Amino acid sequence: VMDDGTTARLGEHHFVMTTTTANAVSVFRHLEFCRQCLWPEMDVHLISATEQWAQFSIAGPNSRDLLQKVVDAGIDISNDAFPFMACAEITACGGVPARLFRISFSGELAYEIAVPARYGNAMMNTLMTAGNPYNAVAYGTEALGVMRVEKGHAAGNELNGQTTARDLGLGRMASTKKDYIGHTLALRPELTRDDGLALVGFKPVDKDQQLSAGAHFVAKGAAHTMANDEGYLTSVAFSPSLGHSIGLGFIKRGAERFGEKVESVDLVRDKITEVEIVSPHFYDPEGKRLRD
């Protein structure tokens, strides 16, 4: 796995794909390689539309009410009419063409709205003005980083080119009956071993202790050597919702070990922390907030 993003179907033969900002070029290059070399018989055209649209995320329990003030009259964005993972081409602010996506990286009820780039600054001002009654504020990537760890969303630290869908708990998305890029590789014994790494959550047994990204996991009482290495901590954040440090990481047979305690060993910082293996979904594990 090399990146994350979304693909929206706006028409029978019209799709829009997003990537992370840093990997937009490499993903587009990879798509062109697939189109030209792997499936040259397909009638597919790829166009980078990065400069053409300005896209904004509106997240939080009042996001639907705020957005309703921006989209044009007659556009129904209720939960029944526009459920989680819906997308549509709409108009906003009196006829401005827009694209609306019901997606959430924050774990809250959220939408993303895109308008032609020339309207970007005006849309931002409109959203902030419409959000005044709800105390809307702009949030940055640091806040988003905390929220995505709370939700167990994999990001760059977990998508380092060495991890597979199976490692990330997404093995069911990789069909055993259909071909896809990487299918043969995914069946190699080393990538399907029973004691393979799995993405899970970690929390310190002593809630006053902070976790350290990059630390490795060793069984309690075992020597702190590579021979006893069971995995590593990829992302760490202090969760305001939970009131303590939390982390995501990979450990052998992780999904089978919830409740087990191991040592987080950071020899660079001379720090040993006892941690508990838990679900990576620390906050709203059922996903009710983003689906209501």
C-alpha atoms as a PDB file:
ATOM      1  CA  VAL A   1       0.000   0.000   0.000  1.00  0.00           C
ATOM      2  CA  MET A   2       1.549   3.307  -1.078  1.00  0.00           C
ATOM      3  CA  ASP A   3      -1.119   5.961  -0.521  1.00  0.00           C
ATOM      4  CA  ASP A   4      -4.691   6.630   0.539  1.00  0.00           C
ATOM      5  CA  GLY A   5      -7.498   8.630  -1.013  1.00  0.00           C
ATOM      6  CA  THR A   6     -11.017   8.336  -2.347  1.00  0.00           C
ATOM      7  CA  THR A   7     -12.602   7.527  -5.682  1.00  0.00           C
ATOM      8  CA  ALA A   8     -15.999   9.016  -6.440  1.00  0.00           C
ATOM      9  CA  ARG A   9     -18.259   7.945  -9.308  1.00  0.00           C
ATOM     10  CA  LEU A  10     -19.878  11.096 -10.656  1.00  0.00           C
ATOM     11  CA  GLY A  11     -21.310   9.481 -13.788  1.00  0.00           C
ATOM     12  CA  GLU A  12     -21.509   6.203 -15.645  1.00  0.00           C
ATOM     13  CA  HIS A  13     -18.000   6.678 -17.035  1.00  0.00           C
ATOM     14  CA  HIS A  14     -16.748   9.593 -14.951  1.00  0.00           C
ATOM     15  CA  PHE A  15     -14.678   9.095 -11.819  1.00  0.00           C
ATOM     16  CA  VAL A  16     -12.733  11.504  -9.628  1.00  0.00           C
ATOM     17  CA  MET A  17      -9.856  10.197  -7.544  1.00  0.00           C
ATOM     18  CA  THR A  18      -8.137  12.042  -4.719  1.00  0.00           C
ATOM     19  CA  THR A  19      -4.763  11.222  -3.206  1.00  0.00           C
ATOM     20  CA  THR A  20      -2.633  12.733  -0.500  1.00  0.00           C
ATOM     21  CA  THR A  21      -1.043  15.997  -1.598  1.00  0.00           C
ATOM     22  CA  ALA A  22       2.500  14.674  -1.316  1.00  0.00           C
ATOM     23  CA  ASN A  23       1.824  11.621  -3.488  1.00  0.00           C
ATOM     24  CA  ALA A  24      -0.414  13.137  -6.177  1.00  0.00           C
ATOM     25  CA  VAL A  25       2.305  13.003  -8.836  1.00  0.00           C
ATOM     26  CA  SER A  26       3.503   9.484  -8.029  1.00  0.00           C
ATOM     27  CA  VAL A  27      -0.047   8.100  -7.942  1.00  0.00           C
ATOM     28  CA  PHE A  28      -0.898   9.745 -11.265  1.00  0.00           C
ATOM     29  CA  ARG A  29       2.304   8.325 -12.758  1.00  0.00           C
ATOM     30  CA  HIS A  30       1.350   4.871 -11.471  1.00  0.00           C
ATOM     31  CA  LEU A  31      -2.140   5.161 -12.972  1.00  0.00           C
ATOM     32  CA  GLU A  32      -0.625   6.092 -16.333  1.00  0.00           C
ATOM     33  CA  PHE A  33       1.675   3.072 -16.123  1.00  0.00           C
ATOM     34  CA  CYS A  34      -1.338   0.841 -15.483  1.00  0.00           C
ATOM     35  CA  ARG A  35      -3.276   2.405 -18.345  1.00  0.00           C
ATOM     36  CA  GLN A  36      -0.483   2.306 -20.902  1.00  0.00           C
ATOM     37  CA  CYS A  37       1.356  -0.889 -19.966  1.00  0.00           C
ATOM     38  CA  LEU A  38      -0.879  -3.221 -17.981  1.00  0.00           C
ATOM     39  CA  TRP A  39      -4.274  -2.584 -19.602  1.00  0.00           C
ATOM     40  CA  PRO A  40      -3.613  -0.819 -22.920  1.00  0.00           C
ATOM     41  CA  GLU A  41      -6.811  -2.287 -24.366  1.00  0.00           C
ATOM     42  CA  MET A  42      -8.992  -0.280 -21.973  1.00  0.00           C
ATOM     43  CA  ASP A  43     -10.704   2.869 -23.216  1.00  0.00           C
ATOM     44  CA  VAL A  44      -9.644   5.064 -20.298  1.00  0.00           C
ATOM     45  CA  HIS A  45      -8.447   8.667 -20.192  1.00  0.00           C
ATOM     46  CA  LEU A  46      -6.697  10.216 -17.195  1.00  0.00           C
ATOM     47  CA  ILE A  47      -6.574  13.952 -16.528  1.00  0.00           C
ATOM     48  CA  SER A  48      -4.994  15.662 -13.541  1.00  0.00           C
ATOM     49  CA  ALA A  49      -7.541  18.161 -12.250  1.00  0.00           C
ATOM     50  CA  THR A  50      -5.530  19.275  -9.205  1.00  0.00           C
ATOM     51  CA  GLU A  51      -5.278  22.919 -10.284  1.00  0.00           C
ATOM     52  CA  GLN A  52      -8.892  23.113 -11.415  1.00  0.00           C
ATOM     53  CA  TRP A  53     -10.710  22.680  -8.102  1.00  0.00           C
ATOM     54  CA  ALA A  54     -10.541  24.048  -4.577  1.00  0.00           C
ATOM     55  CA  GLN A  55     -11.844  21.532  -2.079  1.00  0.00           C
ATOM     56  CA  PHE A  56     -12.837  22.047   1.553  1.00  0.00           C
ATOM     57  CA  SER A  57     -13.675  19.698   4.402  1.00  0.00           C
ATOM     58  CA  ILE A  58     -16.552  20.657   6.706  1.00  0.00           C
ATOM     59  CA  ALA A  59     -16.463  18.440   9.797  1.00  0.00           C
ATOM     60  CA  GLY A  60     -18.319  18.290  13.077  1.00  0.00           C
ATOM     61  CA  PRO A  61     -21.805  17.679  14.470  1.00  0.00           C
ATOM     62  CA  ASN A  62     -23.119  20.911  12.880  1.00  0.00           C
ATOM     63  CA  SER A  63     -21.530  20.375   9.461  1.00  0.00           C
ATOM     64  CA  ARG A  64     -24.787  19.407   7.765  1.00  0.00           C
ATOM     65  CA  ASP A  65     -26.591  22.475   9.111  1.00  0.00           C
ATOM     66  CA  LEU A  66     -23.738  24.726   8.000  1.00  0.00           C
ATOM     67  CA  LEU A  67     -23.549  23.175   4.546  1.00  0.00           C
ATOM     68  CA  GLN A  68     -27.306  23.451   4.051  1.00  0.00           C
ATOM     69  CA  LYS A  69     -26.857  27.244   4.151  1.00  0.00           C
ATOM     70  CA  VAL A  70     -24.306  27.072   1.327  1.00  0.00           C
ATOM     71  CA  VAL A  71     -25.748  24.594  -1.183  1.00  0.00           C
ATOM     72  CA  ASP A  72     -28.512  25.855  -3.444  1.00  0.00           C
ATOM     73  CA  ALA A  73     -32.170  25.483  -2.577  1.00  0.00           C
ATOM     74  CA  GLY A  74     -33.728  22.161  -3.486  1.00  0.00           C
ATOM     75  CA  ILE A  75     -30.571  20.130  -2.888  1.00  0.00           C
ATOM     76  CA  ASP A  76     -31.379  17.555  -0.209  1.00  0.00           C
ATOM     77  CA  ILE A  77     -28.367  16.633   1.915  1.00  0.00           C
ATOM     78  CA  SER A  78     -30.319  14.881   4.657  1.00  0.00           C
ATOM     79  CA  ASN A  79     -28.979  11.566   5.902  1.00  0.00           C
ATOM     80  CA  ASP A  80     -31.591   9.631   3.903  1.00  0.00           C
ATOM     81  CA  ALA A  81     -31.019  11.519   0.658  1.00  0.00           C
ATOM     82  CA  PHE A  82     -27.234  11.889   0.950  1.00  0.00           C
ATOM     83  CA  PRO A  83     -25.865   9.097   3.165  1.00  0.00           C
ATOM     84  CA  PHE A  84     -22.279   8.397   4.164  1.00  0.00           C
ATOM     85  CA  MET A  85     -20.076   7.814   1.082  1.00  0.00           C
ATOM     86  CA  ALA A  86     -22.489   9.601  -1.256  1.00  0.00           C
ATOM     87  CA  CYS A  87     -21.226  12.000  -3.923  1.00  0.00           C
ATOM     88  CA  ALA A  88     -22.890  14.311  -6.438  1.00  0.00           C
ATOM     89  CA  GLU A  89     -22.392  17.228  -8.784  1.00  0.00           C
ATOM     90  CA  ILE A  90     -24.431  20.113  -7.387  1.00  0.00           C
ATOM     91  CA  THR A  91     -24.555  23.904  -7.353  1.00  0.00           C
ATOM     92  CA  ALA A  92     -23.862  26.222  -4.441  1.00  0.00           C
ATOM     93  CA  CYS A  93     -23.990  29.926  -3.573  1.00  0.00           C
ATOM     94  CA  GLY A  94     -26.490  30.745  -6.300  1.00  0.00           C
ATOM     95  CA  GLY A  95     -25.428  28.595  -9.227  1.00  0.00           C
ATOM     96  CA  VAL A  96     -21.693  27.954  -8.745  1.00  0.00           C
ATOM     97  CA  PRO A  97     -20.900  24.428 -10.002  1.00  0.00           C
ATOM     98  CA  ALA A  98     -19.698  22.223  -7.173  1.00  0.00           C
ATOM     99  CA  ARG A  99     -18.988  18.662  -6.224  1.00  0.00           C
ATOM    100  CA  LEU A 100     -20.137  17.323  -2.870  1.00  0.00           C
ATOM    101  CA  PHE A 101     -18.732  14.256  -1.111  1.00  0.00           C
ATOM    102  CA  ARG A 102     -19.983  12.713   2.145  1.00  0.00           C
ATOM    103  CA  ILE A 103     -16.655  11.430   3.441  1.00  0.00           C
ATOM    104  CA  SER A 104     -14.815  11.798   6.716  1.00  0.00           C
ATOM    105  CA  PHE A 105     -11.174  11.476   7.688  1.00  0.00           C
ATOM    106  CA  SER A 106     -11.823  13.128  11.047  1.00  0.00           C
ATOM    107  CA  GLY A 107     -14.280  10.536  12.326  1.00  0.00           C
ATOM    108  CA  GLU A 108     -17.011  13.159  12.692  1.00  0.00           C
ATOM    109  CA  LEU A 109     -20.032  13.870  10.531  1.00  0.00           C
ATOM    110  CA  ALA A 110     -18.268  15.509   7.587  1.00  0.00           C
ATOM    111  CA  TYR A 111     -18.475  16.549   3.971  1.00  0.00           C
ATOM    112  CA  GLU A 112     -16.074  17.817   1.343  1.00  0.00           C
ATOM    113  CA  ILE A 113     -17.187  20.422  -1.163  1.00  0.00           C
ATOM    114  CA  ALA A 114     -15.197  21.344  -4.261  1.00  0.00           C
ATOM    115  CA  VAL A 115     -15.671  24.418  -6.425  1.00  0.00           C
ATOM    116  CA  PRO A 116     -13.721  25.720  -9.437  1.00  0.00           C
ATOM    117  CA  ALA A 117     -10.409  27.117  -8.210  1.00  0.00           C
ATOM    118  CA  ARG A 118     -11.332  30.734  -8.983  1.00  0.00           C
ATOM    119  CA  TYR A 119     -14.078  30.520  -6.349  1.00  0.00           C
ATOM    120  CA  GLY A 120     -11.818  28.983  -3.696  1.00  0.00           C
ATOM    121  CA  ASN A 121     -11.171  32.067  -1.587  1.00  0.00           C
ATOM    122  CA  ALA A 122     -14.793  33.172  -1.804  1.00  0.00           C
ATOM    123  CA  MET A 123     -16.018  29.721  -0.759  1.00  0.00           C
ATOM    124  CA  MET A 124     -13.714  29.697   2.254  1.00  0.00           C
ATOM    125  CA  ASN A 125     -15.041  33.082   3.359  1.00  0.00           C
ATOM    126  CA  THR A 126     -18.618  31.927   2.776  1.00  0.00           C
ATOM    127  CA  LEU A 127     -18.119  28.778   4.834  1.00  0.00           C
ATOM    128  CA  MET A 128     -16.586  30.673   7.740  1.00  0.00           C
ATOM    129  CA  THR A 129     -19.368  33.277   7.693  1.00  0.00           C
ATOM    130  CA  ALA A 130     -22.063  30.599   7.533  1.00  0.00           C
ATOM    131  CA  GLY A 131     -20.324  28.827  10.401  1.00  0.00           C
ATOM    132  CA  ASN A 132     -20.331  31.782  12.793  1.00  0.00           C
ATOM    133  CA  PRO A 133     -23.489  30.608  14.638  1.00  0.00           C
ATOM    134  CA  TYR A 134     -21.774  27.245  15.216  1.00  0.00           C
ATOM    135  CA  ASN A 135     -18.421  28.703  16.332  1.00  0.00           C
ATOM    136  CA  ALA A 136     -16.763  27.217  13.265  1.00  0.00           C
ATOM    137  CA  VAL A 137     -12.971  27.398  13.131  1.00  0.00           C
ATOM    138  CA  ALA A 138     -10.369  26.304  10.629  1.00  0.00           C
ATOM    139  CA  TYR A 139      -8.538  23.166  11.752  1.00  0.00           C
ATOM    140  CA  GLY A 140      -5.104  22.097  10.617  1.00  0.00           C
ATOM    141  CA  THR A 141      -3.214  18.917   9.951  1.00  0.00           C
ATOM    142  CA  GLU A 142      -2.043  18.554  13.570  1.00  0.00           C
ATOM    143  CA  ALA A 143      -5.647  18.366  14.780  1.00  0.00           C
ATOM    144  CA  LEU A 144      -6.527  16.081  11.895  1.00  0.00           C
ATOM    145  CA  GLY A 145      -3.591  13.853  12.831  1.00  0.00           C
ATOM    146  CA  VAL A 146      -4.952  13.421  16.346  1.00  0.00           C
ATOM    147  CA  MET A 147      -8.459  12.640  15.109  1.00  0.00           C
ATOM    148  CA  ARG A 148      -7.299  10.107  12.543  1.00  0.00           C
ATOM    149  CA  VAL A 149      -5.263   8.224  15.176  1.00  0.00           C
ATOM    150  CA  GLU A 150      -8.322   8.190  17.460  1.00  0.00           C
ATOM    151  CA  LYS A 151     -10.292   6.601  14.597  1.00  0.00           C
ATOM    152  CA  GLY A 152      -7.572   4.146  13.567  1.00  0.00           C
ATOM    153  CA  HIS A 153      -7.216   5.619  10.083  1.00  0.00           C
ATOM    154  CA  ALA A 154      -3.973   4.567   8.414  1.00  0.00           C
ATOM    155  CA  ALA A 155      -1.908   7.393   6.928  1.00  0.00           C
ATOM    156  CA  GLY A 156       1.626   7.981   5.693  1.00  0.00           C
ATOM    157  CA  ASN A 157       3.333   6.448   8.719  1.00  0.00           C
ATOM    158  CA  GLU A 158       1.442   3.195   8.148  1.00  0.00           C
ATOM    159  CA  LEU A 159       1.529   3.330   4.333  1.00  0.00           C
ATOM    160  CA  ASN A 160       5.290   3.159   3.954  1.00  0.00           C
ATOM    161  CA  GLY A 161       5.464   0.877   0.930  1.00  0.00           C
ATOM    162  CA  GLN A 162       6.176  -2.167   3.101  1.00  0.00           C
ATOM    163  CA  THR A 163       2.666  -2.776   4.423  1.00  0.00           C
ATOM    164  CA  THR A 164      -0.126  -4.687   2.719  1.00  0.00           C
ATOM    165  CA  ALA A 165      -3.898  -4.473   2.869  1.00  0.00           C
ATOM    166  CA  ARG A 166      -3.823  -7.552   5.083  1.00  0.00           C
ATOM    167  CA  ASP A 167      -1.437  -5.861   7.523  1.00  0.00           C
ATOM    168  CA  LEU A 168      -3.807  -2.889   7.711  1.00  0.00           C
ATOM    169  CA  GLY A 169      -6.864  -5.005   8.489  1.00  0.00           C
ATOM    170  CA  LEU A 170      -8.229  -4.487   4.977  1.00  0.00           C
ATOM    171  CA  GLY A 171      -7.623  -7.984   3.675  1.00  0.00           C
ATOM    172  CA  ARG A 172     -11.302  -8.465   2.835  1.00  0.00           C
ATOM    173  CA  MET A 173     -10.974  -5.744   0.203  1.00  0.00           C
ATOM    174  CA  ALA A 174      -8.474  -7.883  -1.708  1.00  0.00           C
ATOM    175  CA  SER A 175     -10.546 -10.418  -3.630  1.00  0.00           C
ATOM    176  CA  THR A 176      -9.455 -14.034  -3.681  1.00  0.00           C
ATOM    177  CA  LYS A 177     -11.420 -14.627  -6.906  1.00  0.00           C
ATOM    178  CA  LYS A 178     -10.481 -11.641  -9.080  1.00  0.00           C
ATOM    179  CA  ASP A 179      -7.176 -10.466 -10.431  1.00  0.00           C
ATOM    180  CA  TYR A 180      -5.704  -7.139  -9.396  1.00  0.00           C
ATOM    181  CA  ILE A 181      -2.314  -5.471  -9.318  1.00  0.00           C
ATOM    182  CA  GLY A 182      -0.267  -7.198  -6.643  1.00  0.00           C
ATOM    183  CA  HIS A 183      -2.481 -10.285  -6.437  1.00  0.00           C
ATOM    184  CA  THR A 184       0.349 -12.753  -7.027  1.00  0.00           C
ATOM    185  CA  LEU A 185       2.646 -10.940  -4.621  1.00  0.00           C
ATOM    186  CA  ALA A 186      -0.061 -10.863  -1.953  1.00  0.00           C
ATOM    187  CA  LEU A 187      -0.162 -14.683  -1.966  1.00  0.00           C
ATOM    188  CA  ARG A 188       3.518 -15.125  -1.133  1.00  0.00           C
ATOM    189  CA  PRO A 189       4.053 -17.125   2.074  1.00  0.00           C
ATOM    190  CA  GLU A 190       5.942 -14.336   3.830  1.00  0.00           C
ATOM    191  CA  LEU A 191       2.987 -11.981   3.343  1.00  0.00           C
ATOM    192  CA  THR A 192       0.359 -14.473   4.537  1.00  0.00           C
ATOM    193  CA  ARG A 193       2.065 -15.990   7.569  1.00  0.00           C
ATOM    194  CA  ASP A 194      -0.105 -16.609  10.635  1.00  0.00           C
ATOM    195  CA  ASP A 195       2.155 -14.535  12.869  1.00  0.00           C
ATOM    196  CA  GLY A 196       2.303 -11.620  10.437  1.00  0.00           C
ATOM    197  CA  LEU A 197       2.140  -8.001  11.532  1.00  0.00           C
ATOM    198  CA  ALA A 198      -1.284  -6.423  12.033  1.00  0.00           C
ATOM    199  CA  LEU A 199      -2.266  -2.813  12.634  1.00  0.00           C
ATOM    200  CA  VAL A 200      -3.743  -2.329  16.119  1.00  0.00           C
ATOM    201  CA  GLY A 201      -3.982   0.311  18.817  1.00  0.00           C
ATOM    202  CA  PHE A 202      -1.847   0.810  21.901  1.00  0.00           C
ATOM    203  CA  LYS A 203      -2.396   2.696  25.131  1.00  0.00           C
ATOM    204  CA  PRO A 204      -0.048   3.112  28.098  1.00  0.00           C
ATOM    205  CA  VAL A 205      -0.935   1.132  31.199  1.00  0.00           C
ATOM    206  CA  ASP A 206       0.084   4.216  33.184  1.00  0.00           C
ATOM    207  CA  LYS A 207      -2.094   6.903  31.579  1.00  0.00           C
ATOM    208  CA  ASP A 208       0.360   9.621  32.637  1.00  0.00           C
ATOM    209  CA  GLN A 209       3.061   8.228  30.348  1.00  0.00           C
ATOM    210  CA  GLN A 210       3.564   9.385  26.768  1.00  0.00           C
ATOM    211  CA  LEU A 211       4.136   6.940  23.928  1.00  0.00           C
ATOM    212  CA  SER A 212       6.996   7.345  21.442  1.00  0.00           C
ATOM    213  CA  ALA A 213       6.566   6.771  17.706  1.00  0.00           C
ATOM    214  CA  GLY A 214       9.258   4.447  16.406  1.00  0.00           C
ATOM    215  CA  ALA A 215       9.456   2.372  19.574  1.00  0.00           C
ATOM    216  CA  HIS A 216       9.513  -1.415  19.164  1.00  0.00           C
ATOM    217  CA  PHE A 217       7.462  -4.012  21.009  1.00  0.00           C
ATOM    218  CA  VAL A 218       9.000  -6.719  23.134  1.00  0.00           C
ATOM    219  CA  ALA A 219       7.290  -9.260  25.407  1.00  0.00           C
ATOM    220  CA  LYS A 220       7.411  -8.336  29.088  1.00  0.00           C
ATOM    221  CA  GLY A 221      10.544  -9.749  30.677  1.00  0.00           C
ATOM    222  CA  ALA A 222      12.238 -10.511  27.352  1.00  0.00           C
ATOM    223  CA  ALA A 223      15.632  -9.055  26.445  1.00  0.00           C
ATOM    224  CA  HIS A 224      15.484  -5.873  24.418  1.00  0.00           C
ATOM    225  CA  THR A 225      17.081  -7.330  21.282  1.00  0.00           C
ATOM    226  CA  MET A 226      16.086  -7.606  17.630  1.00  0.00           C
ATOM    227  CA  ALA A 227      15.606 -11.340  18.127  1.00  0.00           C
ATOM    228  CA  ASN A 228      12.664 -10.547  20.407  1.00  0.00           C
ATOM    229  CA  ASP A 229      11.250  -7.719  18.279  1.00  0.00           C
ATOM    230  CA  GLU A 230       7.485  -8.178  17.687  1.00  0.00           C
ATOM    231  CA  GLY A 231       6.608  -4.941  15.897  1.00  0.00           C
ATOM    232  CA  TYR A 232       6.779  -1.181  16.099  1.00  0.00           C
ATOM    233  CA  LEU A 233       4.772   1.945  16.925  1.00  0.00           C
ATOM    234  CA  THR A 234       4.005   4.061  13.865  1.00  0.00           C
ATOM    235  CA  SER A 235       1.853   7.001  15.051  1.00  0.00           C
ATOM    236  CA  VAL A 236       1.303   8.629  18.425  1.00  0.00           C
ATOM    237  CA  ALA A 237      -1.032  11.376  19.637  1.00  0.00           C
ATOM    238  CA  PHE A 238      -2.395  12.782  22.862  1.00  0.00           C
ATOM    239  CA  SER A 239      -6.158  12.268  22.743  1.00  0.00           C
ATOM    240  CA  PRO A 240      -8.129  15.137  24.310  1.00  0.00           C
ATOM    241  CA  SER A 241     -11.218  12.922  24.157  1.00  0.00           C
ATOM    242  CA  LEU A 242      -9.615  10.137  26.190  1.00  0.00           C
ATOM    243  CA  GLY A 243      -7.230  12.236  28.244  1.00  0.00           C
ATOM    244  CA  HIS A 244      -4.099  10.199  27.574  1.00  0.00           C
ATOM    245  CA  SER A 245      -1.568   9.194  24.937  1.00  0.00           C
ATOM    246  CA  ILE A 246      -2.612   6.682  22.273  1.00  0.00           C
ATOM    247  CA  GLY A 247      -0.855   5.086  19.349  1.00  0.00           C
ATOM    248  CA  LEU A 248      -1.142   2.939  16.254  1.00  0.00           C
ATOM    249  CA  GLY A 249       1.360   0.311  15.300  1.00  0.00           C
ATOM    250  CA  PHE A 250       2.065  -3.125  13.908  1.00  0.00           C
ATOM    251  CA  ILE A 251       2.618  -6.202  16.057  1.00  0.00           C
ATOM    252  CA  LYS A 252       2.649  -9.926  15.347  1.00  0.00           C
ATOM    253  CA  ARG A 253      -0.851 -11.480  15.482  1.00  0.00           C
ATOM    254  CA  GLY A 254      -2.143  -8.129  16.669  1.00  0.00           C
ATOM    255  CA  ALA A 255      -5.844  -8.727  16.068  1.00  0.00           C
ATOM    256  CA  GLU A 256      -5.750 -11.807  18.332  1.00  0.00           C
ATOM    257  CA  ARG A 257      -4.055 -10.059  21.249  1.00  0.00           C
ATOM    258  CA  PHE A 258      -6.414  -7.343  22.467  1.00  0.00           C
ATOM    259  CA  GLY A 259      -5.951  -6.884  26.199  1.00  0.00           C
ATOM    260  CA  GLU A 260      -2.396  -8.281  26.243  1.00  0.00           C
ATOM    261  CA  LYS A 261       0.359  -6.102  27.702  1.00  0.00           C
ATOM    262  CA  VAL A 262       3.814  -5.724  26.159  1.00  0.00           C
ATOM    263  CA  GLU A 263       6.731  -3.336  26.500  1.00  0.00           C
ATOM    264  CA  SER A 264       7.224  -0.384  24.168  1.00  0.00           C
ATOM    265  CA  VAL A 265      10.994  -0.085  23.915  1.00  0.00           C
ATOM    266  CA  ASP A 266      12.594   3.162  22.736  1.00  0.00           C
ATOM    267  CA  LEU A 267      16.322   2.714  23.244  1.00  0.00           C
ATOM    268  CA  VAL A 268      17.119   5.986  21.460  1.00  0.00           C
ATOM    269  CA  ARG A 269      15.299   7.924  24.194  1.00  0.00           C
ATOM    270  CA  ASP A 270      16.078   5.340  26.882  1.00  0.00           C
ATOM    271  CA  LYS A 271      12.358   4.905  27.491  1.00  0.00           C
ATOM    272  CA  ILE A 272      10.512   1.692  28.350  1.00  0.00           C
ATOM    273  CA  THR A 273       6.708   1.887  28.590  1.00  0.00           C
ATOM    274  CA  GLU A 274       4.236  -0.869  29.403  1.00  0.00           C
ATOM    275  CA  VAL A 275       1.374  -0.732  26.904  1.00  0.00           C
ATOM    276  CA  GLU A 276      -1.858  -2.601  26.316  1.00  0.00           C
ATOM    277  CA  ILE A 277      -2.839  -3.892  22.876  1.00  0.00           C
ATOM    278  CA  VAL A 278      -6.295  -2.577  21.985  1.00  0.00           C
ATOM    279  CA  SER A 279      -8.515  -1.965  18.985  1.00  0.00           C
ATOM    280  CA  PRO A 280      -7.198   0.776  16.698  1.00  0.00           C
ATOM    281  CA  HIS A 281     -10.635   2.408  16.921  1.00  0.00           C
ATOM    282  CA  PHE A 282     -10.318   4.445  20.105  1.00  0.00           C
ATOM    283  CA  TYR A 283     -13.171   6.868  19.408  1.00  0.00           C
ATOM    284  CA  ASP A 284     -16.717   6.034  18.260  1.00  0.00           C
ATOM    285  CA  PRO A 285     -15.719   2.507  17.133  1.00  0.00           C
ATOM    286  CA  GLU A 286     -19.152   1.880  15.599  1.00  0.00           C
ATOM    287  CA  GLY A 287     -18.804   4.943  13.359  1.00  0.00           C
ATOM    288  CA  LYS A 288     -22.200   6.337  14.403  1.00  0.00           C
ATOM    289  CA  ARG A 289     -21.079   9.969  14.388  1.00  0.00           C
ATOM    290  CA  LEU A 290     -19.980   9.998  10.770  1.00  0.00           C
ATOM    291  CA  ARG A 291     -23.026   8.014   9.572  1.00  0.00           C
ATOM    292  CA  ASP A 292     -25.865   9.853  11.340  1.00  0.00           C
END
